C-alpha atoms as a PDB file:
ATOM      1  CA  MET A   1     -35.626   3.922  -0.478  1.00  0.00           C
ATOM      2  CA  THR A   2     -32.989   4.158   2.239  1.00  0.00           C
ATOM      3  CA  TYR A   3     -29.893   2.012   2.470  1.00  0.00           C
ATOM      4  CA  ILE A   4     -31.469   0.161   5.431  1.00  0.00           C
ATOM      5  CA  ASP A   5     -34.632  -0.529   3.419  1.00  0.00           C
ATOM      6  CA  ASP A   6     -32.465  -1.951   0.655  1.00  0.00           C
ATOM      7  CA  LEU A   7     -30.767  -4.351   3.085  1.00  0.00           C
ATOM      8  CA  VAL A   8     -34.112  -5.451   4.514  1.00  0.00           C
ATOM      9  CA  ASN A   9     -35.396  -6.188   1.004  1.00  0.00           C
ATOM     10  CA  LYS A  10     -32.262  -8.182   0.202  1.00  0.00           C
ATOM     11  CA  TYR A  11     -32.753 -10.329   3.299  1.00  0.00           C
ATOM     12  CA  ARG A  12     -36.425 -10.818   2.396  1.00  0.00           C
ATOM     13  CA  GLU A  13     -35.338 -11.928  -1.097  1.00  0.00           C
ATOM     14  CA  MET A  14     -32.902 -14.467   0.395  1.00  0.00           C
ATOM     15  CA  LEU A  15     -35.618 -15.970   2.592  1.00  0.00           C
ATOM     16  CA  ASN A  16     -38.133 -16.160  -0.284  1.00  0.00           C
ATOM     17  CA  LEU A  17     -35.615 -17.828  -2.585  1.00  0.00           C
ATOM     18  CA  TYR A  18     -34.595 -20.373   0.016  1.00  0.00           C
ATOM     19  CA  LEU A  19     -38.010 -21.163   1.465  1.00  0.00           C
ATOM     20  CA  TYR A  20     -40.177 -20.994  -1.657  1.00  0.00           C
ATOM     21  CA  GLY A  21     -37.880 -20.804  -4.668  1.00  0.00           C
ATOM     22  CA  GLU A  22     -35.749 -23.331  -6.489  1.00  0.00           C
ATOM     23  CA  ASP A  23     -32.422 -21.414  -6.762  1.00  0.00           C
ATOM     24  CA  ILE A  24     -30.913 -22.283  -3.388  1.00  0.00           C
ATOM     25  CA  ASP A  25     -27.352 -21.529  -4.580  1.00  0.00           C
ATOM     26  CA  LYS A  26     -28.348 -17.985  -5.461  1.00  0.00           C
ATOM     27  CA  ALA A  27     -29.821 -17.581  -1.993  1.00  0.00           C
ATOM     28  CA  PHE A  28     -26.521 -18.568  -0.382  1.00  0.00           C
ATOM     29  CA  ASP A  29     -24.572 -16.290  -2.730  1.00  0.00           C
ATOM     30  CA  LEU A  30     -26.788 -13.427  -1.612  1.00  0.00           C
ATOM     31  CA  CYS A  31     -26.026 -14.362   2.004  1.00  0.00           C
ATOM     32  CA  HIS A  32     -22.321 -13.767   1.474  1.00  0.00           C
ATOM     33  CA  SER A  33     -22.731 -10.357  -0.171  1.00  0.00           C
ATOM     34  CA  PHE A  34     -25.326  -9.375   2.446  1.00  0.00           C
ATOM     35  CA  SER A  35     -22.932 -10.307   5.276  1.00  0.00           C
ATOM     36  CA  GLU A  36     -20.157  -8.172   3.818  1.00  0.00           C
ATOM     37  CA  GLU A  37     -22.488  -5.176   3.550  1.00  0.00           C
ATOM     38  CA  VAL A  38     -23.802  -5.345   7.111  1.00  0.00           C
ATOM     39  CA  ILE A  39     -20.293  -5.919   8.515  1.00  0.00           C
ATOM     40  CA  GLU A  40     -19.137  -2.779   6.686  1.00  0.00           C
ATOM     41  CA  MET A  41     -21.957  -0.951   8.476  1.00  0.00           C
ATOM     42  CA  ASP A  42     -20.773  -2.269  11.868  1.00  0.00           C
ATOM     43  CA  THR A  43     -24.029  -4.174  12.281  1.00  0.00           C
ATOM     44  CA  SER A  44     -24.021  -6.630  15.180  1.00  0.00           C
ATOM     45  CA  PRO A  45     -25.070 -10.313  14.892  1.00  0.00           C
ATOM     46  CA  GLU A  46     -27.878  -9.554  17.352  1.00  0.00           C
ATOM     47  CA  GLU A  47     -29.348  -7.000  14.943  1.00  0.00           C
ATOM     48  CA  VAL A  48     -29.294  -9.561  12.114  1.00  0.00           C
ATOM     49  CA  VAL A  49     -31.121 -12.090  14.323  1.00  0.00           C
ATOM     50  CA  SER A  50     -33.742  -9.450  15.135  1.00  0.00           C
ATOM     51  CA  LEU A  51     -34.162  -8.696  11.429  1.00  0.00           C
ATOM     52  CA  HIS A  52     -34.620 -12.401  10.710  1.00  0.00           C
ATOM     53  CA  ILE A  53     -37.359 -12.735  13.344  1.00  0.00           C
ATOM     54  CA  ASP A  54     -39.135  -9.561  12.221  1.00  0.00           C
ATOM     55  CA  LEU A  55     -39.185 -10.701   8.578  1.00  0.00           C
ATOM     56  CA  LEU A  56     -40.529 -14.151   9.452  1.00  0.00           C
ATOM     57  CA  GLU A  57     -43.404 -12.432  11.228  1.00  0.00           C
ATOM     58  CA  ASP A  58     -43.909  -9.957   8.387  1.00  0.00           C
ATOM     59  CA  MET A  59     -43.875 -12.784   5.798  1.00  0.00           C
ATOM     60  CA  LYS A  60     -46.253 -14.776   8.034  1.00  0.00           C
ATOM     61  CA  VAL A  61     -43.970 -17.798   8.140  1.00  0.00           C
ATOM     62  CA  GLU A  62     -45.664 -19.843  10.852  1.00  0.00           C
ATOM     63  CA  ASP A  63     -44.988 -23.417   9.782  1.00  0.00           C
ATOM     64  CA  GLY A  64     -42.444 -24.942  12.179  1.00  0.00           C
ATOM     65  CA  GLU A  65     -40.511 -26.731   9.430  1.00  0.00           C
ATOM     66  CA  LEU A  66     -40.182 -23.536   7.381  1.00  0.00           C
ATOM     67  CA  VAL A  67     -39.054 -21.577  10.430  1.00  0.00           C
ATOM     68  CA  LYS A  68     -36.445 -24.270  11.106  1.00  0.00           C
ATOM     69  CA  LYS A  69     -35.388 -24.252   7.455  1.00  0.00           C
ATOM     70  CA  SER A  70     -35.023 -20.452   7.495  1.00  0.00           C
ATOM     71  CA  LEU A  71     -32.333 -20.800  10.154  1.00  0.00           C
ATOM     72  CA  ASP A  72     -29.983 -22.076   7.418  1.00  0.00           C
ATOM     73  CA  ILE A  73     -29.999 -18.574   5.934  1.00  0.00           C
ATOM     74  CA  LEU A  74     -29.393 -16.984   9.304  1.00  0.00           C
ATOM     75  CA  GLN A  75     -26.562 -19.404  10.017  1.00  0.00           C
ATOM     76  CA  GLU A  76     -24.895 -18.671   6.668  1.00  0.00           C
ATOM     77  CA  VAL A  77     -24.961 -14.934   7.360  1.00  0.00           C
ATOM     78  CA  ILE A  78     -23.664 -15.319  10.933  1.00  0.00           C
ATOM     79  CA  ILE A  79     -20.820 -17.631   9.796  1.00  0.00           C
ATOM     80  CA  THR A  80     -19.227 -14.679   8.005  1.00  0.00           C
ATOM     81  CA  PHE A  81     -19.360 -12.716  11.252  1.00  0.00           C
ATOM     82  CA  GLY A  82     -17.508 -15.612  12.857  1.00  0.00           C
ATOM     83  CA  PHE A  83     -14.803 -15.541  10.208  1.00  0.00           C
ATOM     84  CA  THR A  84     -14.458 -11.797  10.641  1.00  0.00           C
ATOM     85  CA  TYR A  85     -14.137 -12.119  14.416  1.00  0.00           C
ATOM     86  CA  ARG A  86     -11.534 -14.888  14.092  1.00  0.00           C
ATOM     87  CA  ASP A  87      -9.597 -12.755  11.602  1.00  0.00           C
ATOM     88  CA  TYR A  88      -9.797  -9.876  14.050  1.00  0.00           C
ATOM     89  CA  LYS A  89      -8.535 -12.038  16.926  1.00  0.00           C
ATOM     90  CA  SER A  90      -5.701 -13.364  14.761  1.00  0.00           C
ATOM     91  CA  MET A  91      -4.743  -9.831  13.777  1.00  0.00           C
ATOM     92  CA  MET A  92      -4.812  -8.693  17.427  1.00  0.00           C
ATOM     93  CA  ASN A  93      -2.587 -11.612  18.453  1.00  0.00           C
ATOM     94  CA  LYS A  94      -0.112 -10.714  15.722  1.00  0.00           C
ATOM     95  CA  LEU A  95      -0.170  -7.087  16.843  1.00  0.00           C
ATOM     96  CA  LYS A  96       0.564  -8.157  20.425  1.00  0.00           C
ATOM     97  CA  ILE A  97       3.548 -10.199  19.243  1.00  0.00           C
ATOM     98  CA  HIS A  98       4.687  -7.268  17.097  1.00  0.00           C
ATOM     99  CA  ASP A  99       4.346  -4.874  20.049  1.00  0.00           C
ATOM    100  CA  LYS A 100       6.470  -7.175  22.213  1.00  0.00           C
ATOM    101  CA  GLU A 101       9.125  -7.343  19.498  1.00  0.00           C
ATOM    102  CA  MET A 102       9.073  -3.556  19.193  1.00  0.00           C
ATOM    103  CA  ASP A 103       9.418  -3.219  22.975  1.00  0.00           C
ATOM    104  CA  VAL A 104      12.504  -5.447  22.867  1.00  0.00           C
ATOM    105  CA  ALA A 105      13.928  -3.523  19.909  1.00  0.00           C
ATOM    106  CA  SER A 106      13.259  -0.207  21.664  1.00  0.00           C
ATOM    107  CA  SER A 107      14.977  -1.407  24.839  1.00  0.00           C
ATOM    108  CA  LEU A 108      17.984  -2.695  22.898  1.00  0.00           C
ATOM    109  CA  GLN A 109      18.218   0.514  20.903  1.00  0.00           C
ATOM    110  CA  GLU A 110      18.050   2.649  24.028  1.00  0.00           C
ATOM    111  CA  THR A 111      20.840   0.602  25.600  1.00  0.00           C
ATOM    112  CA  MET A 112      23.097   0.213  22.560  1.00  0.00           C
ATOM    113  CA  LEU A 113      22.683   3.658  21.015  1.00  0.00           C
ATOM    114  CA  LYS A 114      22.742   5.701  24.194  1.00  0.00           C
ATOM    115  CA  ALA A 115      25.320   8.468  23.835  1.00  0.00           C
ATOM    116  CA  GLU A 116      27.030   9.879  26.896  1.00  0.00           C
ATOM    117  CA  ILE A 117      27.301  13.665  26.815  1.00  0.00           C
ATOM    118  CA  PRO A 118      30.766  14.643  28.098  1.00  0.00           C
ATOM    119  CA  THR A 119      31.435  17.834  30.061  1.00  0.00           C
ATOM    120  CA  PHE A 120      34.178  20.335  29.286  1.00  0.00           C
ATOM    121  CA  GLU A 121      35.405  23.625  30.671  1.00  0.00           C
ATOM    122  CA  THR A 122      35.632  25.164  27.220  1.00  0.00           C
ATOM    123  CA  MET A 123      32.308  24.142  25.712  1.00  0.00           C
ATOM    124  CA  GLU A 124      28.771  23.049  26.579  1.00  0.00           C
ATOM    125  CA  ILE A 125      26.688  20.379  24.818  1.00  0.00           C
ATOM    126  CA  GLY A 126      22.972  19.676  24.747  1.00  0.00           C
ATOM    127  CA  ALA A 127      21.149  16.943  22.836  1.00  0.00           C
ATOM    128  CA  ILE A 128      17.696  15.420  22.659  1.00  0.00           C
ATOM    129  CA  SER A 129      16.427  12.585  20.457  1.00  0.00           C
ATOM    130  CA  VAL A 130      12.793  11.485  20.700  1.00  0.00           C
ATOM    131  CA  PRO A 131      11.237   8.727  18.558  1.00  0.00           C
ATOM    132  CA  ALA A 132       7.810   9.199  17.005  1.00  0.00           C
ATOM    133  CA  ARG A 133       7.070   5.574  17.849  1.00  0.00           C
ATOM    134  CA  LYS A 134       8.813   2.932  19.910  1.00  0.00           C
ATOM    135  CA  VAL A 135      11.850   2.599  17.647  1.00  0.00           C
ATOM    136  CA  SER A 136      13.683   5.618  16.286  1.00  0.00           C
ATOM    137  CA  GLY A 137      15.241   6.214  12.894  1.00  0.00           C
ATOM    138  CA  ASP A 138      17.246   9.152  14.294  1.00  0.00           C
ATOM    139  CA  TYR A 139      20.619   8.949  15.976  1.00  0.00           C
ATOM    140  CA  PHE A 140      23.315  11.148  17.446  1.00  0.00           C
ATOM    141  CA  ASN A 141      26.744  10.248  18.760  1.00  0.00           C
ATOM    142  CA  ILE A 142      29.556  12.101  20.529  1.00  0.00           C
ATOM    143  CA  ILE A 143      33.186  11.005  20.776  1.00  0.00           C
ATOM    144  CA  ASP A 144      35.646  12.742  23.095  1.00  0.00           C
ATOM    145  CA  HIS A 145      39.155  12.336  21.673  1.00  0.00           C
ATOM    146  CA  ASN A 146      40.685  13.418  25.012  1.00  0.00           C
ATOM    147  CA  ASP A 147      43.130  15.690  23.192  1.00  0.00           C
ATOM    148  CA  GLY A 148      41.054  18.821  22.756  1.00  0.00           C
ATOM    149  CA  MET A 149      39.096  17.291  19.857  1.00  0.00           C
ATOM    150  CA  LEU A 150      35.477  16.216  19.799  1.00  0.00           C
ATOM    151  CA  SER A 151      33.618  14.309  17.056  1.00  0.00           C
ATOM    152  CA  PHE A 152      29.853  14.379  16.791  1.00  0.00           C
ATOM    153  CA  ALA A 153      27.283  13.140  14.303  1.00  0.00           C
ATOM    154  CA  VAL A 154      23.536  13.434  13.767  1.00  0.00           C
ATOM    155  CA  ALA A 155      21.885  10.935  11.424  1.00  0.00           C
ATOM    156  CA  ASP A 156      18.478  10.050  10.033  1.00  0.00           C
ATOM    157  CA  VAL A 157      17.564   6.704   8.444  1.00  0.00           C
ATOM    158  CA  ILE A 158      15.263   6.907   5.440  1.00  0.00           C
ATOM    159  CA  GLY A 159      13.182   4.010   6.723  1.00  0.00           C
ATOM    160  CA  LYS A 160      11.429   3.013   9.937  1.00  0.00           C
ATOM    161  CA  GLY A 161      11.051   0.286  12.504  1.00  0.00           C
ATOM    162  CA  ILE A 162      13.421  -2.494  13.456  1.00  0.00           C
ATOM    163  CA  PRO A 163      15.503  -2.358  10.203  1.00  0.00           C
ATOM    164  CA  ALA A 164      16.200   1.333  10.901  1.00  0.00           C
ATOM    165  CA  ALA A 165      17.249   0.504  14.463  1.00  0.00           C
ATOM    166  CA  ILE A 166      19.632  -2.184  13.186  1.00  0.00           C
ATOM    167  CA  ALA A 167      21.105   0.243  10.656  1.00  0.00           C
ATOM    168  CA  MET A 168      21.727   2.843  13.366  1.00  0.00           C
ATOM    169  CA  THR A 169      23.389   0.259  15.594  1.00  0.00           C
ATOM    170  CA  MET A 170      25.797  -0.658  12.807  1.00  0.00           C
ATOM    171  CA  ILE A 171      26.606   3.005  12.205  1.00  0.00           C
ATOM    172  CA  LYS A 172      27.281   3.603  15.895  1.00  0.00           C
ATOM    173  CA  PHE A 173      29.714   0.707  16.101  1.00  0.00           C
ATOM    174  CA  GLY A 174      31.359   1.875  12.887  1.00  0.00           C
ATOM    175  CA  MET A 175      31.757   5.409  14.210  1.00  0.00           C
ATOM    176  CA  ASP A 176      33.010   4.194  17.600  1.00  0.00           C
ATOM    177  CA  SER A 177      35.532   1.905  15.914  1.00  0.00           C
ATOM    178  CA  TYR A 178      37.409   4.435  13.816  1.00  0.00           C
ATOM    179  CA  GLY A 179      35.915   7.822  14.629  1.00  0.00           C
ATOM    180  CA  TYR A 180      38.692   8.713  17.050  1.00  0.00           C
ATOM    181  CA  SER A 181      41.314   9.291  14.380  1.00  0.00           C
ATOM    182  CA  GLN A 182      39.330  10.332  11.320  1.00  0.00           C
ATOM    183  CA  LEU A 183      38.405  13.665   9.790  1.00  0.00           C
ATOM    184  CA  PRO A 184      34.687  14.003   8.935  1.00  0.00           C
ATOM    185  CA  SER A 185      35.137  13.335   5.209  1.00  0.00           C
ATOM    186  CA  ASP A 186      37.125  10.148   5.862  1.00  0.00           C
ATOM    187  CA  SER A 187      34.654   8.967   8.506  1.00  0.00           C
ATOM    188  CA  LEU A 188      31.708   9.383   6.129  1.00  0.00           C
ATOM    189  CA  LYS A 189      33.593   7.449   3.412  1.00  0.00           C
ATOM    190  CA  LYS A 190      34.056   4.516   5.793  1.00  0.00           C
ATOM    191  CA  LEU A 191      30.505   4.697   7.146  1.00  0.00           C
ATOM    192  CA  ASN A 192      29.177   4.779   3.589  1.00  0.00           C
ATOM    193  CA  ARG A 193      30.897   1.456   2.888  1.00  0.00           C
ATOM    194  CA  VAL A 194      29.388  -0.020   6.063  1.00  0.00           C
ATOM    195  CA  VAL A 195      25.869   1.022   5.016  1.00  0.00           C
ATOM    196  CA  GLU A 196      26.332   0.114   1.364  1.00  0.00           C
ATOM    197  CA  LYS A 197      27.530  -3.421   2.138  1.00  0.00           C
ATOM    198  CA  ASN A 198      25.403  -4.319   5.149  1.00  0.00           C
ATOM    199  CA  VAL A 199      22.127  -2.418   5.086  1.00  0.00           C
ATOM    200  CA  ASN A 200      19.028  -3.125   2.998  1.00  0.00           C
ATOM    201  CA  GLN A 201      19.446  -1.619  -0.476  1.00  0.00           C
ATOM    202  CA  ASN A 202      16.223   0.366  -0.083  1.00  0.00           C
ATOM    203  CA  MET A 203      17.391   1.998   3.145  1.00  0.00           C
ATOM    204  CA  PHE A 204      19.625   5.074   3.135  1.00  0.00           C
ATOM    205  CA  VAL A 205      21.097   7.266   5.835  1.00  0.00           C
ATOM    206  CA  THR A 206      21.689  11.017   5.969  1.00  0.00           C
ATOM    207  CA  MET A 207      24.342  12.303   8.357  1.00  0.00           C
ATOM    208  CA  PHE A 208      26.016  15.518   9.452  1.00  0.00           C
ATOM    209  CA  TYR A 209      29.480  14.796  10.840  1.00  0.00           C
ATOM    210  CA  GLY A 210      31.570  17.359  12.717  1.00  0.00           C
ATOM    211  CA  LEU A 211      34.999  17.478  14.349  1.00  0.00           C
ATOM    212  CA  TYR A 212      35.458  20.379  16.753  1.00  0.00           C
ATOM    213  CA  ASP A 213      38.911  21.414  17.925  1.00  0.00           C
ATOM    214  CA  HIS A 214      38.372  23.508  21.034  1.00  0.00           C
ATOM    215  CA  ASN A 215      42.077  24.355  21.155  1.00  0.00           C
ATOM    216  CA  THR A 216      41.784  26.357  17.908  1.00  0.00           C
ATOM    217  CA  ASN A 217      37.977  26.924  17.906  1.00  0.00           C
ATOM    218  CA  LEU A 218      37.795  25.332  14.442  1.00  0.00           C
ATOM    219  CA  LEU A 219      34.914  23.157  13.290  1.00  0.00           C
ATOM    220  CA  TYR A 220      35.622  20.670  10.491  1.00  0.00           C
ATOM    221  CA  TYR A 221      32.459  19.253   8.972  1.00  0.00           C
ATOM    222  CA  SER A 222      31.029  17.090   6.187  1.00  0.00           C
ATOM    223  CA  SER A 223      27.523  16.030   5.239  1.00  0.00           C
ATOM    224  CA  ALA A 224      25.950  12.966   3.643  1.00  0.00           C
ATOM    225  CA  GLY A 225      22.813  14.575   2.243  1.00  0.00           C
ATOM    226  CA  HIS A 226      21.709  15.756   5.685  1.00  0.00           C
ATOM    227  CA  GLU A 227      19.790  18.875   6.669  1.00  0.00           C
ATOM    228  CA  PRO A 228      22.162  21.880   6.673  1.00  0.00           C
ATOM    229  CA  ALA A 229      23.287  22.731  10.196  1.00  0.00           C
ATOM    230  CA  LEU A 230      23.258  26.235  11.662  1.00  0.00           C
ATOM    231  CA  LEU A 231      25.925  28.380  13.272  1.00  0.00           C
ATOM    232  CA  TYR A 232      24.539  31.002  15.605  1.00  0.00           C
ATOM    233  CA  ARG A 233      26.825  34.041  15.926  1.00  0.00           C
ATOM    234  CA  TYR A 234      26.293  35.418  19.419  1.00  0.00           C
ATOM    235  CA  GLU A 235      27.851  38.856  18.822  1.00  0.00           C
ATOM    236  CA  THR A 236      25.793  39.678  15.726  1.00  0.00           C
ATOM    237  CA  ASP A 237      22.683  37.652  16.681  1.00  0.00           C
ATOM    238  CA  GLU A 238      22.695  36.060  13.226  1.00  0.00           C
ATOM    239  CA  PHE A 239      22.466  32.521  11.861  1.00  0.00           C
ATOM    240  CA  GLU A 240      24.741  31.049   9.208  1.00  0.00           C
ATOM    241  CA  GLU A 241      23.875  27.880   7.310  1.00  0.00           C
ATOM    242  CA  ILE A 242      26.691  25.329   7.243  1.00  0.00           C
ATOM    243  CA  ASP A 243      26.567  22.538   4.716  1.00  0.00           C
ATOM    244  CA  ALA A 244      28.851  20.469   2.493  1.00  0.00           C
ATOM    245  CA  LYS A 245      28.294  18.388  -0.630  1.00  0.00           C
ATOM    246  CA  GLY A 246      27.886  14.648  -0.225  1.00  0.00           C
ATOM    247  CA  ILE A 247      25.511  11.856  -1.234  1.00  0.00           C
ATOM    248  CA  VAL A 248      23.449   9.988   1.373  1.00  0.00           C
ATOM    249  CA  LEU A 249      25.110   6.905   2.886  1.00  0.00           C
ATOM    250  CA  GLY A 250      24.420   3.591   1.203  1.00  0.00           C
ATOM    251  CA  VAL A 251      23.682   4.769  -2.343  1.00  0.00           C
ATOM    252  CA  LYS A 252      27.057   4.660  -4.034  1.00  0.00           C
ATOM    253  CA  ASP A 253      30.196   2.692  -3.293  1.00  0.00           C
ATOM    254  CA  HIS A 254      33.432   4.713  -2.938  1.00  0.00           C
ATOM    255  CA  ALA A 255      31.538   7.989  -2.554  1.00  0.00           C
ATOM    256  CA  ARG A 256      33.546  11.097  -1.666  1.00  0.00           C
ATOM    257  CA  TYR A 257      32.497  13.775   0.799  1.00  0.00           C
ATOM    258  CA  GLU A 258      33.380  17.447   0.775  1.00  0.00           C
ATOM    259  CA  GLN A 259      34.934  18.793   3.975  1.00  0.00           C
ATOM    260  CA  LYS A 260      34.874  22.401   5.134  1.00  0.00           C
ATOM    261  CA  GLU A 261      36.029  24.293   8.193  1.00  0.00           C
ATOM    262  CA  ILE A 262      34.800  27.355  10.042  1.00  0.00           C
ATOM    263  CA  GLU A 263      35.894  29.252  13.139  1.00  0.00           C
ATOM    264  CA  ILE A 264      33.574  29.295  16.145  1.00  0.00           C
ATOM    265  CA  GLY A 265      33.540  32.485  18.229  1.00  0.00           C
ATOM    266  CA  ASN A 266      32.917  32.840  21.936  1.00  0.00           C
ATOM    267  CA  ASN A 267      29.318  31.870  22.873  1.00  0.00           C
ATOM    268  CA  ASP A 268      28.632  30.858  19.264  1.00  0.00           C
ATOM    269  CA  MET A 269      26.521  27.705  18.873  1.00  0.00           C
ATOM    270  CA  ILE A 270      26.592  24.842  16.373  1.00  0.00           C
ATOM    271  CA  ILE A 271      23.030  23.549  15.894  1.00  0.00           C
ATOM    272  CA  VAL A 272      22.345  20.234  14.114  1.00  0.00           C
ATOM    273  CA  PHE A 273      18.922  18.611  13.703  1.00  0.00           C
ATOM    274  CA  THR A 274      16.862  16.140  11.717  1.00  0.00           C
ATOM    275  CA  ASP A 275      13.830  16.778   9.526  1.00  0.00           C
ATOM    276  CA  GLY A 276      11.595  16.103  12.514  1.00  0.00           C
ATOM    277  CA  VAL A 277      12.359  19.745  13.338  1.00  0.00           C
ATOM    278  CA  THR A 278      12.346  21.381   9.911  1.00  0.00           C
ATOM    279  CA  GLU A 279       9.348  19.458   8.549  1.00  0.00           C
ATOM    280  CA  LEU A 280       7.213  19.469  11.684  1.00  0.00           C
ATOM    281  CA  ARG A 281       3.480  19.619  10.938  1.00  0.00           C
ATOM    282  CA  LYS A 282       1.417  22.020  13.013  1.00  0.00           C
ATOM    283  CA  HIS A 283      -2.162  21.508  14.187  1.00  0.00           C
ATOM    284  CA  ASP A 284      -3.520  23.072  11.001  1.00  0.00           C
ATOM    285  CA  ASP A 285      -1.364  20.589   8.992  1.00  0.00           C
ATOM    286  CA  THR A 286       0.958  23.297   7.656  1.00  0.00           C
ATOM    287  CA  PHE A 287       4.731  23.064   8.008  1.00  0.00           C
ATOM    288  CA  ILE A 288       6.492  25.003  10.720  1.00  0.00           C
ATOM    289  CA  ASP A 289       8.191  28.268   9.770  1.00  0.00           C
ATOM    290  CA  PHE A 290      11.840  27.593  10.654  1.00  0.00           C
ATOM    291  CA  GLU A 291      12.274  31.242  11.547  1.00  0.00           C
ATOM    292  CA  ASP A 292      10.138  30.418  14.592  1.00  0.00           C
ATOM    293  CA  VAL A 293      12.741  27.870  15.702  1.00  0.00           C
ATOM    294  CA  LYS A 294      15.492  30.453  15.293  1.00  0.00           C
ATOM    295  CA  ASP A 295      13.499  32.873  17.440  1.00  0.00           C
ATOM    296  CA  MET A 296      13.194  30.181  20.128  1.00  0.00           C
ATOM    297  CA  ILE A 297      16.983  29.823  20.147  1.00  0.00           C
ATOM    298  CA  ARG A 298      17.417  33.577  20.456  1.00  0.00           C
ATOM    299  CA  GLU A 299      15.026  33.694  23.413  1.00  0.00           C
ATOM    300  CA  VAL A 300      17.143  31.294  25.482  1.00  0.00           C
ATOM    301  CA  ARG A 301      20.588  31.798  23.944  1.00  0.00           C
ATOM    302  CA  ASP A 302      22.227  32.518  27.329  1.00  0.00           C
ATOM    303  CA  HIS A 303      21.079  29.209  28.800  1.00  0.00           C
ATOM    304  CA  HIS A 304      22.933  25.892  28.813  1.00  0.00           C
ATOM    305  CA  PRO A 305      22.462  24.002  25.499  1.00  0.00           C
ATOM    306  CA  GLN A 306      20.660  21.151  27.279  1.00  0.00           C
ATOM    307  CA  ASP A 307      18.085  23.622  28.564  1.00  0.00           C
ATOM    308  CA  ILE A 308      17.847  25.133  25.080  1.00  0.00           C
ATOM    309  CA  VAL A 309      17.123  21.828  23.329  1.00  0.00           C
ATOM    310  CA  GLN A 310      14.571  20.910  26.000  1.00  0.00           C
ATOM    311  CA  TYR A 311      12.833  24.273  25.643  1.00  0.00           C
ATOM    312  CA  ILE A 312      12.686  23.962  21.849  1.00  0.00           C
ATOM    313  CA  TYR A 313      11.394  20.388  22.039  1.00  0.00           C
ATOM    314  CA  GLU A 314       8.597  21.277  24.464  1.00  0.00           C
ATOM    315  CA  SER A 315       7.644  24.317  22.352  1.00  0.00           C
ATOM    316  CA  LEU A 316       7.501  22.202  19.204  1.00  0.00           C
ATOM    317  CA  MET A 317       5.383  19.524  20.877  1.00  0.00           C
ATOM    318  CA  ARG A 318       2.774  22.145  21.764  1.00  0.00           C
ATOM    319  CA  MET A 319       2.638  23.180  18.105  1.00  0.00           C
ATOM    320  CA  GLN A 320       2.755  19.718  16.543  1.00  0.00           C
ATOM    321  CA  ASN A 321      -0.104  17.803  14.970  1.00  0.00           C
ATOM    322  CA  PRO A 322      -0.096  14.612  17.108  1.00  0.00           C
ATOM    323  CA  HIS A 323      -1.170  12.532  14.105  1.00  0.00           C
ATOM    324  CA  LYS A 324       1.784  13.669  11.960  1.00  0.00           C
ATOM    325  CA  LYS A 325       4.711  12.950  14.274  1.00  0.00           C
ATOM    326  CA  ASP A 326       8.238  12.128  13.130  1.00  0.00           C
ATOM    327  CA  ASP A 327      11.448  11.237  14.932  1.00  0.00           C
ATOM    328  CA  LEU A 328      13.088  14.409  16.238  1.00  0.00           C
ATOM    329  CA  THR A 329      16.724  15.028  17.127  1.00  0.00           C
ATOM    330  CA  LEU A 330      18.394  18.294  18.102  1.00  0.00           C
ATOM    331  CA  PHE A 331      22.075  18.765  18.999  1.00  0.00           C
ATOM    332  CA  ILE A 332      23.733  22.011  20.163  1.00  0.00           C
ATOM    333  CA  LEU A 333      27.384  22.691  20.928  1.00  0.00           C
ATOM    334  CA  LYS A 334      28.290  26.066  22.452  1.00  0.00           C
ATOM    335  CA  ASN A 335      31.781  27.528  22.657  1.00  0.00           C
ATOM    336  CA  ASN A 336      32.263  29.093  26.122  1.00  0.00           C
ATOM    337  CA  LYS A 337      36.044  29.091  26.076  1.00  0.00           C
ATOM    338  CA  GLU A 338      36.271  32.604  27.463  1.00  0.00           C
END
């Protein structure tokens, strides 16, 4: 017996019970379970009506009163379809409202979190940040100190949607407020207090924070549990991992952050990114080999950093599984002092 045959027999049983039996309540109970089954099978109301007519003919129900009475069973089954359709319409209306809210949040985020990329004679900067959906949990910021110093940060909220956007907005205003005069370790200490006191306790933020002095070619940097950055040495064509100890923002009050420094040579590049790059899923659902990303950088190392980040992004999008997308941010600073 096929699954369809089983459903036909169940409907026949409902009609027999209701028209000729004495257990009417059982007949209506069977209606409800039958409705759920046929809805799961994407059966249309029209197909149920056709089944009803066919069974009346097969059962030789010709008496007008019995035919009229049988419509109670049909009505009970169709009522569940009505509930399902109303639930569907309600869900669609809620989704429309949600989409409008997300559009507003996306527009606000784009306006409030937009970072201007300054131009310098002694260095070049490129950055790209693309959300997987309408609202991003990634963020980058650049602050020109106007004294030969430049602060920059790349962050990733462990969380999504509007709460993540709000968290990033708070971090931006915090960084803009006191980032001009702070070393990376001090800035992360202050930002940690902002996140710890004002952001949902289940939401944390990773961040790589750098201060580049292009008078001395020194990079000072700290990390709050973020992906290690890379330093590409142009002369040797080698990559160095740069990282520092530090807990993610928002976990522990009065957290301390290690600070390190490193010298940046001519044409060397500082490369900072989020896990949308390192944990990108390919079409076969495997993770990207990060050596491939390094090879991409080598291929276009003589280009402007903005062209480099755009080239890497487009290459990654061709490789990426479209159903496993994540927010992606990539920041590159190149020393071209000489």
